[in-house]
Amino acid sequence: MASQTQGIQQLLAAEKRAAEKVSEARKRKAKRLKQAKEEAQDEVEKYRQERERQFKEFEAKHMGTREGVAAKIDAETKVKIDEMNRMVQSQKDAVIKDILNLIYDIKPELHINYRT
């Protein structure tokens, strides 16, 4: 009977050691996964920074600086506004004359819906 008890104790001890080994293996796996995730995030961040740097170089090379682009847009806008103002001034008298002619040319007529 004592040998059975001793055998059971050995089995329980072996089971406990096995559970500890499984637990340690799970902890190591979780640690490796976390480390791999951090390395992947670092790699992604480095790649993103490199691509952003390349984009900024491309942008500077092909478009110039943001201030230069803004100044160019402002200059073009000013030219267009000046051109529109000149066109308004040149056409203003004719448009006012046409509007006044339409206003002064009154033709009294009965409305088509009016019933007698």
N, C-alpha and C. Protein backbone atom coordinates (compact mmCIF):
# COMPACT_ATOMS: atom_id res chain seq x y z
N MET A 1 0.82 -1.18 0.00
CA MET A 1 0.00 0.00 0.00
C MET A 1 0.87 1.26 0.00
N ALA A 2 1.97 1.20 0.70
CA ALA A 2 2.86 2.34 0.76
C ALA A 2 3.47 2.61 -0.60
N SER A 3 3.72 1.54 -1.37
CA SER A 3 4.30 1.74 -2.69
C SER A 3 3.30 2.41 -3.62
N GLN A 4 2.01 2.11 -3.43
CA GLN A 4 0.98 2.76 -4.25
C GLN A 4 0.92 4.24 -3.92
N THR A 5 0.97 4.56 -2.66
CA THR A 5 0.94 5.96 -2.24
C THR A 5 2.16 6.69 -2.77
N GLN A 6 3.28 6.00 -2.68
CA GLN A 6 4.52 6.61 -3.18
C GLN A 6 4.43 6.78 -4.70
N GLY A 7 3.86 5.84 -5.41
CA GLY A 7 3.69 5.93 -6.85
C GLY A 7 2.75 7.08 -7.22
N ILE A 8 1.69 7.24 -6.46
CA ILE A 8 0.74 8.34 -6.69
C ILE A 8 1.43 9.68 -6.45
N GLN A 9 2.23 9.72 -5.38
CA GLN A 9 2.96 10.96 -5.07
C GLN A 9 3.93 11.32 -6.20
N GLN A 10 4.57 10.29 -6.74
CA GLN A 10 5.51 10.53 -7.85
C GLN A 10 4.75 11.03 -9.09
N LEU A 11 3.60 10.43 -9.36
CA LEU A 11 2.78 10.86 -10.49
C LEU A 11 2.32 12.32 -10.32
N LEU A 12 1.88 12.64 -9.10
CA LEU A 12 1.44 14.02 -8.83
C LEU A 12 2.60 15.00 -8.99
N ALA A 13 3.77 14.60 -8.50
CA ALA A 13 4.95 15.46 -8.61
C ALA A 13 5.33 15.63 -10.09
N ALA A 14 5.28 14.52 -10.84
CA ALA A 14 5.60 14.60 -12.27
C ALA A 14 4.59 15.48 -13.00
N GLU A 15 3.32 15.35 -12.64
CA GLU A 15 2.28 16.17 -13.25
C GLU A 15 2.51 17.64 -12.94
N LYS A 16 2.92 17.93 -11.72
CA LYS A 16 3.18 19.32 -11.32
C LYS A 16 4.36 19.88 -12.10
N ARG A 17 5.43 19.08 -12.24
CA ARG A 17 6.60 19.53 -13.01
C ARG A 17 6.22 19.77 -14.47
N ALA A 18 5.39 18.88 -15.01
CA ALA A 18 4.96 19.03 -16.40
C ALA A 18 4.14 20.30 -16.56
N ALA A 19 3.24 20.57 -15.60
CA ALA A 19 2.43 21.78 -15.64
C ALA A 19 3.31 23.02 -15.58
N GLU A 20 4.36 22.98 -14.74
CA GLU A 20 5.29 24.11 -14.64
C GLU A 20 6.04 24.32 -15.95
N LYS A 21 6.48 23.20 -16.57
CA LYS A 21 7.18 23.31 -17.84
C LYS A 21 6.27 23.91 -18.92
N VAL A 22 5.00 23.45 -18.95
CA VAL A 22 4.04 23.99 -19.93
C VAL A 22 3.82 25.48 -19.67
N SER A 23 3.70 25.84 -18.38
CA SER A 23 3.50 27.24 -18.02
C SER A 23 4.70 28.08 -18.46
N GLU A 24 5.90 27.58 -18.20
CA GLU A 24 7.11 28.31 -18.62
C GLU A 24 7.18 28.44 -20.14
N ALA A 25 6.82 27.37 -20.83
CA ALA A 25 6.83 27.41 -22.30
C ALA A 25 5.85 28.45 -22.81
N ARG A 26 4.67 28.53 -22.20
CA ARG A 26 3.68 29.53 -22.61
C ARG A 26 4.20 30.94 -22.36
N LYS A 27 4.86 31.13 -21.22
CA LYS A 27 5.42 32.44 -20.90
C LYS A 27 6.49 32.83 -21.92
N ARG A 28 7.36 31.87 -22.27
CA ARG A 28 8.41 32.15 -23.26
C ARG A 28 7.79 32.48 -24.61
N LYS A 29 6.75 31.74 -24.99
CA LYS A 29 6.09 31.98 -26.27
C LYS A 29 5.47 33.38 -26.28
N ALA A 30 4.79 33.74 -25.20
CA ALA A 30 4.17 35.06 -25.12
C ALA A 30 5.23 36.15 -25.19
N LYS A 31 6.36 35.91 -24.53
CA LYS A 31 7.46 36.89 -24.54
C LYS A 31 8.02 37.03 -25.95
N ARG A 32 8.21 35.90 -26.66
CA ARG A 32 8.72 35.94 -28.03
C ARG A 32 7.75 36.67 -28.96
N LEU A 33 6.45 36.39 -28.78
CA LEU A 33 5.44 37.05 -29.61
C LEU A 33 5.45 38.56 -29.37
N LYS A 34 5.55 38.96 -28.12
CA LYS A 34 5.58 40.39 -27.79
C LYS A 34 6.82 41.05 -28.39
N GLN A 35 7.95 40.36 -28.28
CA GLN A 35 9.19 40.89 -28.83
C GLN A 35 9.09 41.00 -30.36
N ALA A 36 8.53 39.99 -31.00
CA ALA A 36 8.37 40.02 -32.45
C ALA A 36 7.45 41.16 -32.87
N LYS A 37 6.38 41.36 -32.10
CA LYS A 37 5.44 42.44 -32.41
C LYS A 37 6.14 43.80 -32.30
N GLU A 38 6.93 43.98 -31.24
CA GLU A 38 7.63 45.25 -31.06
C GLU A 38 8.63 45.47 -32.20
N GLU A 39 9.35 44.41 -32.59
CA GLU A 39 10.30 44.54 -33.69
C GLU A 39 9.58 44.89 -34.99
N ALA A 40 8.45 44.27 -35.22
CA ALA A 40 7.68 44.56 -36.43
C ALA A 40 7.20 46.01 -36.42
N GLN A 41 6.74 46.49 -35.29
CA GLN A 41 6.28 47.88 -35.20
C GLN A 41 7.44 48.84 -35.44
N ASP A 42 8.61 48.52 -34.89
CA ASP A 42 9.78 49.36 -35.12
C ASP A 42 10.14 49.39 -36.61
N GLU A 43 10.08 48.23 -37.24
CA GLU A 43 10.40 48.14 -38.66
C GLU A 43 9.39 48.93 -39.50
N VAL A 44 8.12 48.84 -39.15
CA VAL A 44 7.08 49.59 -39.87
C VAL A 44 7.31 51.09 -39.68
N GLU A 45 7.64 51.50 -38.48
CA GLU A 45 7.87 52.92 -38.21
C GLU A 45 9.08 53.43 -39.00
N LYS A 46 10.15 52.64 -39.05
CA LYS A 46 11.32 53.03 -39.83
C LYS A 46 10.96 53.15 -41.32
N TYR A 47 10.19 52.21 -41.82
CA TYR A 47 9.78 52.24 -43.23
C TYR A 47 8.91 53.47 -43.51
N ARG A 48 7.99 53.76 -42.59
CA ARG A 48 7.12 54.93 -42.77
C ARG A 48 7.94 56.21 -42.79
N GLN A 49 8.90 56.32 -41.88
CA GLN A 49 9.74 57.51 -41.85
C GLN A 49 10.56 57.65 -43.13
N GLU A 50 11.09 56.53 -43.62
CA GLU A 50 11.87 56.56 -44.86
C GLU A 50 11.01 57.01 -46.04
N ARG A 51 9.79 56.46 -46.14
CA ARG A 51 8.89 56.84 -47.24
C ARG A 51 8.48 58.31 -47.12
N GLU A 52 8.26 58.76 -45.91
CA GLU A 52 7.89 60.17 -45.72
C GLU A 52 9.04 61.08 -46.14
N ARG A 53 10.27 60.69 -45.80
CA ARG A 53 11.44 61.46 -46.19
C ARG A 53 11.56 61.50 -47.71
N GLN A 54 11.35 60.34 -48.36
CA GLN A 54 11.41 60.29 -49.82
C GLN A 54 10.33 61.17 -50.45
N PHE A 55 9.14 61.14 -49.86
CA PHE A 55 8.05 61.97 -50.39
C PHE A 55 8.39 63.44 -50.27
N LYS A 56 8.93 63.84 -49.13
CA LYS A 56 9.27 65.25 -48.95
C LYS A 56 10.35 65.68 -49.94
N GLU A 57 11.32 64.80 -50.19
CA GLU A 57 12.34 65.12 -51.19
C GLU A 57 11.71 65.27 -52.58
N PHE A 58 10.83 64.35 -52.92
CA PHE A 58 10.15 64.40 -54.22
C PHE A 58 9.33 65.68 -54.32
N GLU A 59 8.59 65.99 -53.27
CA GLU A 59 7.75 67.19 -53.27
C GLU A 59 8.61 68.44 -53.44
N ALA A 60 9.71 68.50 -52.70
CA ALA A 60 10.57 69.68 -52.79
C ALA A 60 11.19 69.80 -54.19
N LYS A 61 11.54 68.66 -54.76
CA LYS A 61 12.18 68.66 -56.08
C LYS A 61 11.21 69.06 -57.19
N HIS A 62 9.98 68.58 -57.12
CA HIS A 62 9.04 68.80 -58.21
C HIS A 62 8.10 69.98 -58.00
N MET A 63 7.84 70.32 -56.76
CA MET A 63 6.87 71.38 -56.52
C MET A 63 7.50 72.61 -55.87
N GLY A 64 8.65 72.49 -55.36
CA GLY A 64 9.24 73.60 -54.62
C GLY A 64 8.74 73.58 -53.19
N THR A 65 9.01 74.62 -52.49
CA THR A 65 8.57 74.68 -51.10
C THR A 65 7.11 75.05 -51.02
N ARG A 66 6.52 74.82 -49.90
CA ARG A 66 5.10 75.15 -49.70
C ARG A 66 4.89 76.67 -49.82
N GLU A 67 5.84 77.44 -49.30
CA GLU A 67 5.72 78.89 -49.38
C GLU A 67 5.78 79.35 -50.84
N GLY A 68 6.65 78.72 -51.62
CA GLY A 68 6.76 79.06 -53.03
C GLY A 68 5.48 78.75 -53.78
N VAL A 69 4.88 77.60 -53.48
CA VAL A 69 3.62 77.22 -54.12
C VAL A 69 2.52 78.19 -53.72
N ALA A 70 2.48 78.54 -52.43
CA ALA A 70 1.45 79.47 -51.96
C ALA A 70 1.62 80.84 -52.62
N ALA A 71 2.85 81.30 -52.75
CA ALA A 71 3.09 82.60 -53.39
C ALA A 71 2.67 82.56 -54.86
N LYS A 72 2.96 81.46 -55.53
CA LYS A 72 2.58 81.33 -56.94
C LYS A 72 1.07 81.35 -57.10
N ILE A 73 0.36 80.64 -56.22
CA ILE A 73 -1.11 80.62 -56.27
C ILE A 73 -1.67 82.01 -56.00
N ASP A 74 -1.10 82.72 -55.02
CA ASP A 74 -1.56 84.08 -54.72
C ASP A 74 -1.37 85.00 -55.91
N ALA A 75 -0.22 84.89 -56.57
CA ALA A 75 0.05 85.75 -57.72
C ALA A 75 -0.94 85.46 -58.85
N GLU A 76 -1.19 84.16 -59.13
CA GLU A 76 -2.13 83.81 -60.19
C GLU A 76 -3.54 84.30 -59.85
N THR A 77 -3.92 84.19 -58.60
CA THR A 77 -5.25 84.64 -58.17
C THR A 77 -5.38 86.15 -58.35
N LYS A 78 -4.34 86.89 -57.98
CA LYS A 78 -4.38 88.35 -58.13
C LYS A 78 -4.52 88.74 -59.60
N VAL A 79 -3.80 88.05 -60.47
CA VAL A 79 -3.89 88.34 -61.91
C VAL A 79 -5.30 88.08 -62.41
N LYS A 80 -5.89 86.97 -62.02
CA LYS A 80 -7.25 86.64 -62.47
C LYS A 80 -8.27 87.65 -61.95
N ILE A 81 -8.14 88.05 -60.69
CA ILE A 81 -9.07 89.03 -60.11
C ILE A 81 -8.94 90.37 -60.84
N ASP A 82 -7.70 90.79 -61.13
CA ASP A 82 -7.51 92.05 -61.86
C ASP A 82 -8.14 91.98 -63.25
N GLU A 83 -7.98 90.83 -63.91
CA GLU A 83 -8.56 90.66 -65.24
C GLU A 83 -10.09 90.72 -65.17
N MET A 84 -10.67 90.08 -64.16
CA MET A 84 -12.13 90.13 -63.99
C MET A 84 -12.60 91.55 -63.72
N ASN A 85 -11.87 92.29 -62.90
CA ASN A 85 -12.25 93.68 -62.62
C ASN A 85 -12.20 94.53 -63.88
N ARG A 86 -11.20 94.32 -64.72
CA ARG A 86 -11.12 95.07 -65.98
C ARG A 86 -12.32 94.73 -66.88
N MET A 87 -12.67 93.45 -66.93
CA MET A 87 -13.81 93.04 -67.76
C MET A 87 -15.11 93.64 -67.23
N VAL A 88 -15.26 93.69 -65.91
CA VAL A 88 -16.46 94.29 -65.32
C VAL A 88 -16.53 95.77 -65.70
N GLN A 89 -15.42 96.48 -65.58
CA GLN A 89 -15.40 97.90 -65.89
C GLN A 89 -15.72 98.14 -67.37
N SER A 90 -15.22 97.28 -68.24
CA SER A 90 -15.45 97.50 -69.66
C SER A 90 -16.88 97.16 -70.07
N GLN A 91 -17.53 96.26 -69.39
CA GLN A 91 -18.88 95.83 -69.75
C GLN A 91 -19.97 96.48 -68.90
N LYS A 92 -19.59 97.18 -67.87
CA LYS A 92 -20.56 97.72 -66.90
C LYS A 92 -21.57 98.65 -67.56
N ASP A 93 -21.11 99.58 -68.34
CA ASP A 93 -22.03 100.56 -68.94
C ASP A 93 -23.04 99.88 -69.88
N ALA A 94 -22.57 98.95 -70.66
CA ALA A 94 -23.46 98.26 -71.60
C ALA A 94 -24.51 97.43 -70.85
N VAL A 95 -24.11 96.78 -69.80
CA VAL A 95 -25.05 95.95 -69.03
C VAL A 95 -26.09 96.83 -68.35
N ILE A 96 -25.66 97.93 -67.75
CA ILE A 96 -26.60 98.84 -67.09
C ILE A 96 -27.58 99.40 -68.11
N LYS A 97 -27.08 99.76 -69.29
CA LYS A 97 -27.96 100.29 -70.34
C LYS A 97 -29.00 99.26 -70.76
N ASP A 98 -28.58 97.99 -70.95
CA ASP A 98 -29.52 96.93 -71.32
C ASP A 98 -30.57 96.71 -70.23
N ILE A 99 -30.16 96.72 -68.99
CA ILE A 99 -31.11 96.51 -67.88
C ILE A 99 -32.12 97.67 -67.83
N LEU A 100 -31.62 98.88 -67.95
CA LEU A 100 -32.53 100.03 -67.92
C LEU A 100 -33.50 100.00 -69.10
N ASN A 101 -33.06 99.62 -70.27
CA ASN A 101 -33.94 99.52 -71.44
C ASN A 101 -35.04 98.50 -71.17
N LEU A 102 -34.69 97.38 -70.56
CA LEU A 102 -35.71 96.38 -70.24
C LEU A 102 -36.71 96.92 -69.21
N ILE A 103 -36.22 97.69 -68.27
CA ILE A 103 -37.10 98.24 -67.23
C ILE A 103 -38.02 99.31 -67.83
N TYR A 104 -37.48 100.17 -68.67
CA TYR A 104 -38.28 101.26 -69.24
C TYR A 104 -39.25 100.79 -70.31
N ASP A 105 -38.98 99.67 -70.94
CA ASP A 105 -39.82 99.17 -72.02
C ASP A 105 -40.97 98.36 -71.44
N ILE A 106 -41.98 99.06 -70.95
CA ILE A 106 -43.12 98.40 -70.31
C ILE A 106 -44.22 98.22 -71.34
N LYS A 107 -44.73 97.01 -71.45
CA LYS A 107 -45.82 96.70 -72.36
C LYS A 107 -46.97 96.17 -71.51
N PRO A 108 -47.96 96.98 -71.27
CA PRO A 108 -49.07 96.51 -70.43
C PRO A 108 -49.88 95.46 -71.16
N GLU A 109 -50.02 94.30 -70.57
CA GLU A 109 -50.79 93.20 -71.13
C GLU A 109 -51.51 92.50 -69.99
N LEU A 110 -52.59 91.85 -70.33
CA LEU A 110 -53.28 91.06 -69.32
C LEU A 110 -52.55 89.74 -69.15
N HIS A 111 -52.56 89.29 -67.93
CA HIS A 111 -51.90 88.01 -67.66
C HIS A 111 -52.69 86.89 -68.31
N ILE A 112 -52.02 85.81 -68.70
CA ILE A 112 -52.70 84.72 -69.41
C ILE A 112 -53.70 83.99 -68.51
N ASN A 113 -53.55 84.07 -67.23
CA ASN A 113 -54.47 83.42 -66.31
C ASN A 113 -55.67 84.31 -65.92
N TYR A 114 -55.62 85.57 -66.36
CA TYR A 114 -56.71 86.49 -66.01
C TYR A 114 -57.97 86.10 -66.79
N ARG A 115 -59.08 86.00 -66.08
CA ARG A 115 -60.38 85.66 -66.71
C ARG A 115 -61.30 86.86 -66.65
N THR A 116 -61.95 87.09 -67.73
CA THR A 116 -62.89 88.21 -67.76
C THR A 116 -64.30 87.81 -67.45
